[in-house]
Amino acid sequence: MIRAGNEADIGPIEKIYHRILERQEAGLASVGWIRGVYPTAQTAREALAAGELFVLEADGAVAAAARINQRQVPEYQNARWRYADAPDEQIMVLHTLVVDPEQSGMGYGTEFVRFYERYALQRGCPYLRMDTNAVNAAARRLYRGLGYWEADIVPCVFNGIPDVQLVCLEKRIGQ
């Protein structure tokens, strides 16, 4: 079940961030994050305060989380979008999608992206955008498999992380 996040979800989401970072630090995953820089509990708190935090609950526990809104990060201005002339009010953005590594392989990433697509369509947004770090091969594979097109790779400092190759992805739905 995917629902709006609440204050009680911040701790479990922060634990997911830590588990992902632990896997990266052990050489078992590559996401391009830096512990203490991004993401942090503050990342989830800001999404909650804005009313934009969503969580996927499985067996009573938070298994995945993300922020969904219409805010395109400044780095998107430098991307060569396929749908560059899409009106801003028709664009929805998925930020910081995380799936608990202890729950990987359960289809939760796919379920969350499908929720994001329905959420966007219900709000009149047929243009979908998201991003990931180029080193995050697992996320790139997931998004490609769900029909997202890699519009561009933008070199930048992203969320305080230097030397990021930001993969900007998009998809048009509901045609």
N, C-alpha and C. Protein backbone atom coordinates (compact mmCIF):
# COMPACT_ATOMS: atom_id res chain seq x y z
N MET A 1 0.83 -1.18 0.00
CA MET A 1 0.00 0.00 0.00
C MET A 1 0.89 1.25 0.00
N ILE A 2 0.58 2.18 -0.89
CA ILE A 2 1.31 3.44 -0.94
C ILE A 2 0.38 4.52 -0.39
N ARG A 3 0.93 5.32 0.51
CA ARG A 3 0.15 6.35 1.18
C ARG A 3 1.00 7.59 1.40
N ALA A 4 0.34 8.66 1.80
CA ALA A 4 1.06 9.87 2.19
C ALA A 4 1.89 9.57 3.43
N GLY A 5 3.08 10.14 3.47
CA GLY A 5 3.96 9.93 4.61
C GLY A 5 3.50 10.71 5.81
N ASN A 6 4.00 10.31 6.99
CA ASN A 6 3.71 11.03 8.23
C ASN A 6 4.98 11.08 9.08
N GLU A 7 4.90 11.79 10.20
CA GLU A 7 6.08 11.99 11.05
C GLU A 7 6.71 10.67 11.49
N ALA A 8 5.88 9.67 11.75
CA ALA A 8 6.40 8.38 12.21
C ALA A 8 7.22 7.67 11.13
N ASP A 9 7.11 8.08 9.89
CA ASP A 9 7.85 7.45 8.79
C ASP A 9 9.29 7.96 8.67
N ILE A 10 9.60 9.10 9.27
CA ILE A 10 10.93 9.71 9.09
C ILE A 10 12.04 8.76 9.55
N GLY A 11 11.91 8.20 10.73
CA GLY A 11 12.92 7.27 11.25
C GLY A 11 13.13 6.06 10.34
N PRO A 12 12.07 5.36 9.96
CA PRO A 12 12.25 4.23 9.04
C PRO A 12 12.85 4.62 7.69
N ILE A 13 12.49 5.78 7.16
CA ILE A 13 13.07 6.23 5.90
C ILE A 13 14.56 6.50 6.07
N GLU A 14 14.91 7.16 7.18
CA GLU A 14 16.33 7.41 7.45
C GLU A 14 17.10 6.09 7.54
N LYS A 15 16.49 5.06 8.12
CA LYS A 15 17.15 3.74 8.20
C LYS A 15 17.36 3.15 6.81
N ILE A 16 16.41 3.38 5.91
CA ILE A 16 16.58 2.92 4.53
C ILE A 16 17.78 3.63 3.90
N TYR A 17 17.85 4.95 4.08
CA TYR A 17 19.01 5.70 3.56
C TYR A 17 20.31 5.09 4.09
N HIS A 18 20.36 4.81 5.39
CA HIS A 18 21.57 4.25 6.00
C HIS A 18 21.91 2.88 5.43
N ARG A 19 20.90 2.03 5.24
CA ARG A 19 21.16 0.69 4.69
C ARG A 19 21.70 0.78 3.25
N ILE A 20 21.15 1.71 2.48
CA ILE A 20 21.65 1.90 1.11
C ILE A 20 23.10 2.39 1.16
N LEU A 21 23.38 3.36 2.02
CA LEU A 21 24.75 3.88 2.14
C LEU A 21 25.71 2.79 2.64
N GLU A 22 25.28 1.96 3.57
CA GLU A 22 26.11 0.85 4.04
C GLU A 22 26.47 -0.09 2.90
N ARG A 23 25.50 -0.39 2.06
CA ARG A 23 25.75 -1.27 0.90
C ARG A 23 26.75 -0.61 -0.06
N GLN A 24 26.58 0.69 -0.26
CA GLN A 24 27.52 1.39 -1.14
C GLN A 24 28.93 1.39 -0.54
N GLU A 25 29.02 1.68 0.74
CA GLU A 25 30.33 1.71 1.40
C GLU A 25 31.01 0.35 1.43
N ALA A 26 30.22 -0.72 1.40
CA ALA A 26 30.76 -2.08 1.37
C ALA A 26 31.06 -2.54 -0.06
N GLY A 27 30.79 -1.67 -1.04
CA GLY A 27 31.05 -2.03 -2.43
C GLY A 27 29.99 -2.92 -3.05
N LEU A 28 28.83 -3.01 -2.42
CA LEU A 28 27.75 -3.88 -2.92
C LEU A 28 26.75 -3.14 -3.79
N ALA A 29 26.84 -1.82 -3.82
CA ALA A 29 25.92 -1.00 -4.62
C ALA A 29 26.64 0.30 -4.96
N SER A 30 26.15 0.96 -5.98
CA SER A 30 26.70 2.26 -6.35
C SER A 30 25.53 3.20 -6.66
N VAL A 31 25.31 4.16 -5.74
CA VAL A 31 24.23 5.12 -5.94
C VAL A 31 24.74 6.54 -6.07
N GLY A 32 25.97 6.78 -5.60
CA GLY A 32 26.56 8.10 -5.73
C GLY A 32 26.20 9.07 -4.62
N TRP A 33 25.72 8.54 -3.50
CA TRP A 33 25.38 9.39 -2.36
C TRP A 33 26.59 9.55 -1.45
N ILE A 34 26.52 10.54 -0.54
CA ILE A 34 27.55 10.75 0.47
C ILE A 34 26.85 10.82 1.83
N ARG A 35 27.30 9.97 2.73
CA ARG A 35 26.72 9.93 4.08
C ARG A 35 26.82 11.31 4.73
N GLY A 36 25.74 11.76 5.31
CA GLY A 36 25.70 13.04 5.99
C GLY A 36 25.47 14.23 5.07
N VAL A 37 25.51 13.98 3.76
CA VAL A 37 25.29 15.06 2.78
C VAL A 37 23.92 14.89 2.12
N TYR A 38 23.71 13.72 1.51
CA TYR A 38 22.45 13.46 0.83
C TYR A 38 22.32 11.97 0.58
N PRO A 39 21.15 11.42 0.85
CA PRO A 39 20.02 12.01 1.56
C PRO A 39 20.18 11.85 3.07
N THR A 40 19.48 12.68 3.79
CA THR A 40 19.49 12.63 5.26
C THR A 40 18.04 12.65 5.75
N ALA A 41 17.88 12.53 7.04
CA ALA A 41 16.53 12.62 7.61
C ALA A 41 15.88 13.94 7.22
N GLN A 42 16.68 14.99 7.09
CA GLN A 42 16.16 16.30 6.69
C GLN A 42 15.53 16.24 5.30
N THR A 43 16.08 15.43 4.42
CA THR A 43 15.52 15.25 3.08
C THR A 43 14.06 14.79 3.19
N ALA A 44 13.84 13.79 4.03
CA ALA A 44 12.48 13.26 4.22
C ALA A 44 11.60 14.26 4.97
N ARG A 45 12.17 14.95 5.95
CA ARG A 45 11.39 15.94 6.71
C ARG A 45 10.89 17.07 5.82
N GLU A 46 11.75 17.53 4.92
CA GLU A 46 11.34 18.61 4.01
C GLU A 46 10.21 18.14 3.09
N ALA A 47 10.29 16.91 2.61
CA ALA A 47 9.22 16.37 1.77
C ALA A 47 7.92 16.27 2.56
N LEU A 48 8.02 15.82 3.81
CA LEU A 48 6.84 15.70 4.67
C LEU A 48 6.23 17.07 4.92
N ALA A 49 7.06 18.05 5.26
CA ALA A 49 6.56 19.41 5.56
C ALA A 49 5.84 20.01 4.36
N ALA A 50 6.28 19.65 3.16
CA ALA A 50 5.66 20.17 1.94
C ALA A 50 4.44 19.36 1.52
N GLY A 51 4.15 18.27 2.24
CA GLY A 51 3.02 17.41 1.86
C GLY A 51 3.31 16.58 0.62
N GLU A 52 4.59 16.26 0.40
CA GLU A 52 5.00 15.59 -0.84
C GLU A 52 5.69 14.25 -0.59
N LEU A 53 5.65 13.75 0.63
CA LEU A 53 6.29 12.49 0.98
C LEU A 53 5.29 11.35 0.86
N PHE A 54 5.72 10.30 0.19
CA PHE A 54 4.89 9.11 0.03
C PHE A 54 5.71 7.89 0.43
N VAL A 55 5.03 6.92 1.03
CA VAL A 55 5.70 5.69 1.45
C VAL A 55 4.93 4.47 0.97
N LEU A 56 5.67 3.43 0.70
CA LEU A 56 5.09 2.13 0.38
C LEU A 56 5.26 1.28 1.63
N GLU A 57 4.14 0.81 2.15
CA GLU A 57 4.15 -0.03 3.34
C GLU A 57 3.96 -1.48 2.92
N ALA A 58 4.77 -2.35 3.51
CA ALA A 58 4.63 -3.79 3.28
C ALA A 58 4.73 -4.47 4.64
N ASP A 59 3.76 -5.27 4.95
CA ASP A 59 3.73 -5.97 6.24
C ASP A 59 3.90 -5.01 7.41
N GLY A 60 3.27 -3.84 7.30
CA GLY A 60 3.27 -2.86 8.38
C GLY A 60 4.53 -2.04 8.52
N ALA A 61 5.48 -2.20 7.60
CA ALA A 61 6.74 -1.46 7.68
C ALA A 61 6.98 -0.67 6.39
N VAL A 62 7.70 0.43 6.52
CA VAL A 62 8.05 1.23 5.35
C VAL A 62 9.09 0.46 4.54
N ALA A 63 8.76 0.16 3.28
CA ALA A 63 9.66 -0.58 2.40
C ALA A 63 10.24 0.31 1.31
N ALA A 64 9.58 1.44 1.03
CA ALA A 64 10.05 2.35 -0.01
C ALA A 64 9.46 3.73 0.27
N ALA A 65 10.12 4.75 -0.28
CA ALA A 65 9.64 6.12 -0.08
C ALA A 65 10.13 7.00 -1.22
N ALA A 66 9.44 8.11 -1.43
CA ALA A 66 9.86 9.09 -2.43
C ALA A 66 9.11 10.39 -2.20
N ARG A 67 9.61 11.40 -2.86
CA ARG A 67 8.95 12.71 -2.89
C ARG A 67 8.39 12.91 -4.29
N ILE A 68 7.15 13.36 -4.36
CA ILE A 68 6.51 13.61 -5.65
C ILE A 68 5.97 15.03 -5.64
N ASN A 69 6.36 15.80 -6.65
CA ASN A 69 5.88 17.17 -6.77
C ASN A 69 6.07 17.66 -8.21
N GLN A 70 5.86 18.94 -8.42
CA GLN A 70 6.04 19.50 -9.76
C GLN A 70 7.28 20.40 -9.83
N ARG A 71 8.16 20.27 -8.82
CA ARG A 71 9.35 21.10 -8.78
C ARG A 71 10.49 20.45 -9.56
N GLN A 72 10.87 21.11 -10.63
CA GLN A 72 12.00 20.65 -11.41
C GLN A 72 13.26 21.30 -10.83
N VAL A 73 14.24 20.49 -10.50
CA VAL A 73 15.47 21.02 -9.92
C VAL A 73 16.18 21.89 -10.95
N PRO A 74 16.95 22.89 -10.50
CA PRO A 74 17.61 23.81 -11.43
C PRO A 74 18.46 23.12 -12.50
N GLU A 75 19.04 21.99 -12.17
CA GLU A 75 19.89 21.27 -13.13
C GLU A 75 19.12 20.83 -14.37
N TYR A 76 17.80 20.69 -14.24
CA TYR A 76 16.99 20.27 -15.37
C TYR A 76 17.02 21.30 -16.50
N GLN A 77 17.30 22.55 -16.17
CA GLN A 77 17.36 23.59 -17.21
C GLN A 77 18.45 23.31 -18.24
N ASN A 78 19.46 22.54 -17.85
CA ASN A 78 20.59 22.25 -18.74
C ASN A 78 20.40 20.97 -19.54
N ALA A 79 19.31 20.28 -19.33
CA ALA A 79 19.07 19.01 -20.03
C ALA A 79 18.39 19.25 -21.38
N ARG A 80 18.68 18.37 -22.30
CA ARG A 80 18.04 18.40 -23.63
C ARG A 80 16.85 17.42 -23.59
N TRP A 81 15.72 17.94 -23.16
CA TRP A 81 14.52 17.12 -22.99
C TRP A 81 13.86 16.83 -24.34
N ARG A 82 13.34 15.66 -24.47
CA ARG A 82 12.56 15.30 -25.65
C ARG A 82 11.30 16.16 -25.72
N TYR A 83 10.68 16.39 -24.55
CA TYR A 83 9.46 17.18 -24.47
C TYR A 83 9.80 18.54 -23.84
N ALA A 84 10.73 19.22 -24.44
CA ALA A 84 11.23 20.49 -23.89
C ALA A 84 10.16 21.56 -23.82
N ASP A 85 9.15 21.48 -24.68
CA ASP A 85 8.12 22.51 -24.69
C ASP A 85 6.88 22.11 -23.87
N ALA A 86 7.00 21.05 -23.07
CA ALA A 86 5.89 20.66 -22.19
C ALA A 86 5.63 21.78 -21.19
N PRO A 87 4.37 22.16 -21.00
CA PRO A 87 4.06 23.22 -20.02
C PRO A 87 4.42 22.77 -18.60
N ASP A 88 5.05 23.64 -17.83
CA ASP A 88 5.47 23.31 -16.47
C ASP A 88 4.32 22.74 -15.63
N GLU A 89 3.12 23.27 -15.82
CA GLU A 89 1.99 22.80 -15.01
C GLU A 89 1.55 21.38 -15.38
N GLN A 90 2.13 20.81 -16.45
CA GLN A 90 1.80 19.45 -16.85
C GLN A 90 2.95 18.47 -16.61
N ILE A 91 3.94 18.91 -15.83
CA ILE A 91 5.11 18.07 -15.54
C ILE A 91 5.10 17.68 -14.07
N MET A 92 5.24 16.39 -13.80
CA MET A 92 5.36 15.87 -12.43
C MET A 92 6.76 15.27 -12.30
N VAL A 93 7.32 15.39 -11.09
CA VAL A 93 8.70 14.94 -10.86
C VAL A 93 8.76 13.99 -9.66
N LEU A 94 9.51 12.93 -9.84
CA LEU A 94 9.76 11.95 -8.77
C LEU A 94 11.17 12.20 -8.24
N HIS A 95 11.28 12.39 -6.92
CA HIS A 95 12.57 12.66 -6.28
C HIS A 95 12.89 11.60 -5.23
N THR A 96 14.15 11.24 -5.14
CA THR A 96 14.68 10.43 -4.03
C THR A 96 13.86 9.16 -3.78
N LEU A 97 13.63 8.40 -4.83
CA LEU A 97 12.97 7.11 -4.65
C LEU A 97 13.96 6.15 -4.01
N VAL A 98 13.56 5.58 -2.89
CA VAL A 98 14.40 4.59 -2.21
C VAL A 98 13.58 3.35 -1.90
N VAL A 99 14.22 2.21 -2.04
CA VAL A 99 13.63 0.93 -1.65
C VAL A 99 14.58 0.30 -0.65
N ASP A 100 14.03 -0.17 0.46
CA ASP A 100 14.85 -0.80 1.48
C ASP A 100 15.61 -1.98 0.86
N PRO A 101 16.95 -1.99 0.97
CA PRO A 101 17.72 -3.11 0.40
C PRO A 101 17.29 -4.46 0.97
N GLU A 102 16.76 -4.46 2.18
CA GLU A 102 16.28 -5.71 2.78
C GLU A 102 14.99 -6.19 2.10
N GLN A 103 14.39 -5.33 1.29
CA GLN A 103 13.15 -5.67 0.59
C GLN A 103 13.36 -5.70 -0.94
N SER A 104 14.61 -5.68 -1.39
CA SER A 104 14.85 -5.63 -2.83
C SER A 104 14.37 -6.92 -3.50
N GLY A 105 14.01 -6.79 -4.76
CA GLY A 105 13.54 -7.95 -5.51
C GLY A 105 12.06 -8.24 -5.33
N MET A 106 11.37 -7.39 -4.58
CA MET A 106 9.94 -7.61 -4.32
C MET A 106 9.05 -6.84 -5.29
N GLY A 107 9.66 -6.05 -6.18
CA GLY A 107 8.87 -5.27 -7.14
C GLY A 107 8.40 -3.93 -6.59
N TYR A 108 8.94 -3.51 -5.45
CA TYR A 108 8.47 -2.27 -4.84
C TYR A 108 8.88 -1.02 -5.63
N GLY A 109 10.04 -1.06 -6.26
CA GLY A 109 10.45 0.07 -7.09
C GLY A 109 9.47 0.26 -8.25
N THR A 110 9.14 -0.82 -8.91
CA THR A 110 8.19 -0.77 -10.01
C THR A 110 6.82 -0.31 -9.52
N GLU A 111 6.38 -0.86 -8.40
CA GLU A 111 5.08 -0.48 -7.85
C GLU A 111 5.04 1.03 -7.54
N PHE A 112 6.14 1.56 -7.00
CA PHE A 112 6.17 2.97 -6.66
C PHE A 112 6.14 3.84 -7.91
N VAL A 113 6.89 3.47 -8.94
CA VAL A 113 6.88 4.26 -10.18
C VAL A 113 5.50 4.21 -10.82
N ARG A 114 4.85 3.07 -10.79
CA ARG A 114 3.48 2.98 -11.35
C ARG A 114 2.52 3.89 -10.56
N PHE A 115 2.68 3.93 -9.24
CA PHE A 115 1.88 4.84 -8.42
C PHE A 115 2.13 6.29 -8.84
N TYR A 116 3.40 6.64 -9.00
CA TYR A 116 3.79 7.98 -9.43
C TYR A 116 3.10 8.34 -10.75
N GLU A 117 3.07 7.42 -11.68
CA GLU A 117 2.44 7.67 -12.98
C GLU A 117 0.94 7.91 -12.83
N ARG A 118 0.27 7.10 -12.03
CA ARG A 118 -1.17 7.31 -11.80
C ARG A 118 -1.43 8.64 -11.09
N TYR A 119 -0.63 8.93 -10.09
CA TYR A 119 -0.74 10.17 -9.34
C TYR A 119 -0.61 11.37 -10.27
N ALA A 120 0.37 11.31 -11.17
CA ALA A 120 0.60 12.41 -12.11
C ALA A 120 -0.59 12.58 -13.06
N LEU A 121 -1.07 11.48 -13.62
CA LEU A 121 -2.20 11.56 -14.55
C LEU A 121 -3.44 12.12 -13.87
N GLN A 122 -3.69 11.71 -12.63
CA GLN A 122 -4.86 12.20 -11.89
C GLN A 122 -4.78 13.71 -11.66
N ARG A 123 -3.60 14.27 -11.75
CA ARG A 123 -3.40 15.70 -11.53
C ARG A 123 -3.12 16.45 -12.84
N GLY A 124 -3.43 15.80 -13.95
CA GLY A 124 -3.30 16.46 -15.25
C GLY A 124 -1.87 16.64 -15.72
N CYS A 125 -0.98 15.75 -15.30
CA CYS A 125 0.43 15.85 -15.67
C CYS A 125 0.87 14.63 -16.49
N PRO A 126 0.79 14.72 -17.81
CA PRO A 126 1.21 13.59 -18.63
C PRO A 126 2.72 13.51 -18.86
N TYR A 127 3.46 14.54 -18.45
CA TYR A 127 4.91 14.56 -18.64
C TYR A 127 5.59 14.25 -17.32
N LEU A 128 6.39 13.19 -17.33
CA LEU A 128 7.04 12.74 -16.11
C LEU A 128 8.54 12.93 -16.23
N ARG A 129 9.14 13.41 -15.15
CA ARG A 129 10.59 13.58 -15.11
C ARG A 129 11.12 13.03 -13.79
N MET A 130 12.37 12.62 -13.83
CA MET A 130 13.09 12.15 -12.65
C MET A 130 14.56 12.17 -13.00
N ASP A 131 15.39 11.89 -12.02
CA ASP A 131 16.82 11.84 -12.27
C ASP A 131 17.45 10.79 -11.39
N THR A 132 18.68 10.43 -11.74
CA THR A 132 19.50 9.54 -10.93
C THR A 132 20.95 9.83 -11.26
N ASN A 133 21.82 9.36 -10.43
CA ASN A 133 23.24 9.50 -10.68
C ASN A 133 23.64 8.46 -11.72
N ALA A 134 24.51 8.83 -12.65
CA ALA A 134 24.92 7.92 -13.71
C ALA A 134 25.51 6.62 -13.16
N VAL A 135 26.10 6.67 -11.96
CA VAL A 135 26.70 5.45 -11.39
C VAL A 135 25.65 4.49 -10.84
N ASN A 136 24.39 4.92 -10.75
CA ASN A 136 23.33 4.09 -10.20
C ASN A 136 22.72 3.21 -11.30
N ALA A 137 23.45 2.15 -11.64
CA ALA A 137 23.04 1.27 -12.74
C ALA A 137 21.70 0.60 -12.45
N ALA A 138 21.44 0.24 -11.20
CA ALA A 138 20.18 -0.44 -10.87
C ALA A 138 18.99 0.46 -11.14
N ALA A 139 19.07 1.73 -10.73
CA ALA A 139 17.96 2.66 -10.97
C ALA A 139 17.79 2.90 -12.46
N ARG A 140 18.88 3.06 -13.18
CA ARG A 140 18.79 3.30 -14.62
C ARG A 140 18.12 2.12 -15.33
N ARG A 141 18.47 0.92 -14.91
CA ARG A 141 17.87 -0.29 -15.49
C ARG A 141 16.37 -0.35 -15.19
N LEU A 142 15.99 -0.05 -13.94
CA LEU A 142 14.58 -0.04 -13.56
C LEU A 142 13.80 0.96 -14.41
N TYR A 143 14.28 2.18 -14.47
CA TYR A 143 13.55 3.23 -15.19
C TYR A 143 13.47 2.92 -16.69
N ARG A 144 14.54 2.42 -17.27
CA ARG A 144 14.52 2.06 -18.69
C ARG A 144 13.47 0.98 -18.94
N GLY A 145 13.43 -0.01 -18.04
CA GLY A 145 12.46 -1.10 -18.17
C GLY A 145 11.02 -0.63 -18.04
N LEU A 146 10.82 0.52 -17.41
CA LEU A 146 9.47 1.07 -17.25
C LEU A 146 9.15 2.12 -18.30
N GLY A 147 10.01 2.22 -19.32
CA GLY A 147 9.72 3.09 -20.45
C GLY A 147 10.23 4.50 -20.35
N TYR A 148 11.12 4.78 -19.39
CA TYR A 148 11.68 6.13 -19.27
C TYR A 148 12.88 6.27 -20.21
N TRP A 149 12.96 7.43 -20.81
CA TRP A 149 14.01 7.74 -21.77
C TRP A 149 15.04 8.62 -21.09
N GLU A 150 16.32 8.27 -21.26
CA GLU A 150 17.39 9.11 -20.72
C GLU A 150 17.60 10.29 -21.66
N ALA A 151 17.06 11.42 -21.27
CA ALA A 151 17.10 12.61 -22.12
C ALA A 151 18.50 13.19 -22.22
N ASP A 152 19.24 13.17 -21.10
CA ASP A 152 20.55 13.82 -21.09
C ASP A 152 21.29 13.42 -19.83
N ILE A 153 22.58 13.67 -19.83
CA ILE A 153 23.40 13.53 -18.63
C ILE A 153 24.04 14.90 -18.39
N VAL A 154 23.73 15.49 -17.24
CA VAL A 154 24.16 16.85 -16.92
C VAL A 154 25.23 16.79 -15.82
N PRO A 155 26.46 17.23 -16.11
CA PRO A 155 27.47 17.30 -15.05
C PRO A 155 27.14 18.44 -14.09
N CYS A 156 27.22 18.17 -12.78
CA CYS A 156 26.83 19.20 -11.82
C CYS A 156 27.25 18.82 -10.41
N VAL A 157 27.07 19.76 -9.50
CA VAL A 157 27.06 19.48 -8.07
C VAL A 157 25.57 19.32 -7.75
N PHE A 158 25.20 18.17 -7.19
CA PHE A 158 23.78 17.88 -6.99
C PHE A 158 23.52 17.53 -5.54
N ASN A 159 22.64 18.28 -4.90
CA ASN A 159 22.31 18.07 -3.48
C ASN A 159 23.56 18.05 -2.62
N GLY A 160 24.55 18.88 -2.97
CA GLY A 160 25.78 18.97 -2.20
C GLY A 160 26.83 17.94 -2.56
N ILE A 161 26.54 17.08 -3.53
CA ILE A 161 27.48 16.05 -3.94
C ILE A 161 28.22 16.54 -5.20
N PRO A 162 29.55 16.65 -5.12
CA PRO A 162 30.31 17.15 -6.27
C PRO A 162 30.46 16.09 -7.37
N ASP A 163 30.74 16.57 -8.57
CA ASP A 163 31.08 15.71 -9.71
C ASP A 163 30.02 14.68 -10.08
N VAL A 164 28.76 15.06 -9.95
CA VAL A 164 27.67 14.16 -10.32
C VAL A 164 27.42 14.25 -11.82
N GLN A 165 27.20 13.10 -12.42
CA GLN A 165 26.72 13.02 -13.80
C GLN A 165 25.23 12.69 -13.65
N LEU A 166 24.40 13.74 -13.69
CA LEU A 166 22.98 13.60 -13.41
C LEU A 166 22.24 13.11 -14.66
N VAL A 167 21.70 11.91 -14.57
CA VAL A 167 20.91 11.34 -15.67
C VAL A 167 19.49 11.87 -15.53
N CYS A 168 19.05 12.61 -16.53
CA CYS A 168 17.70 13.19 -16.54
C CYS A 168 16.81 12.30 -17.39
N LEU A 169 15.75 11.77 -16.79
CA LEU A 169 14.86 10.84 -17.47
C LEU A 169 13.49 11.43 -17.64
N GLU A 170 12.79 11.01 -18.68
CA GLU A 170 11.43 11.49 -18.89
C GLU A 170 10.58 10.44 -19.60
N LYS A 171 9.29 10.68 -19.53
CA LYS A 171 8.31 9.80 -20.17
C LYS A 171 7.02 10.60 -20.33
N ARG A 172 6.32 10.34 -21.41
CA ARG A 172 5.00 10.92 -21.59
C ARG A 172 3.99 9.79 -21.47
N ILE A 173 2.94 10.03 -20.70
CA ILE A 173 1.93 8.99 -20.48
C ILE A 173 0.55 9.53 -20.84
N GLY A 174 -0.40 8.62 -20.98
CA GLY A 174 -1.78 9.00 -21.19
C GLY A 174 -2.08 9.56 -22.56
N GLN A 175 -1.27 9.19 -23.56
CA GLN A 175 -1.48 9.70 -24.91
C GLN A 175 -2.64 9.00 -25.58
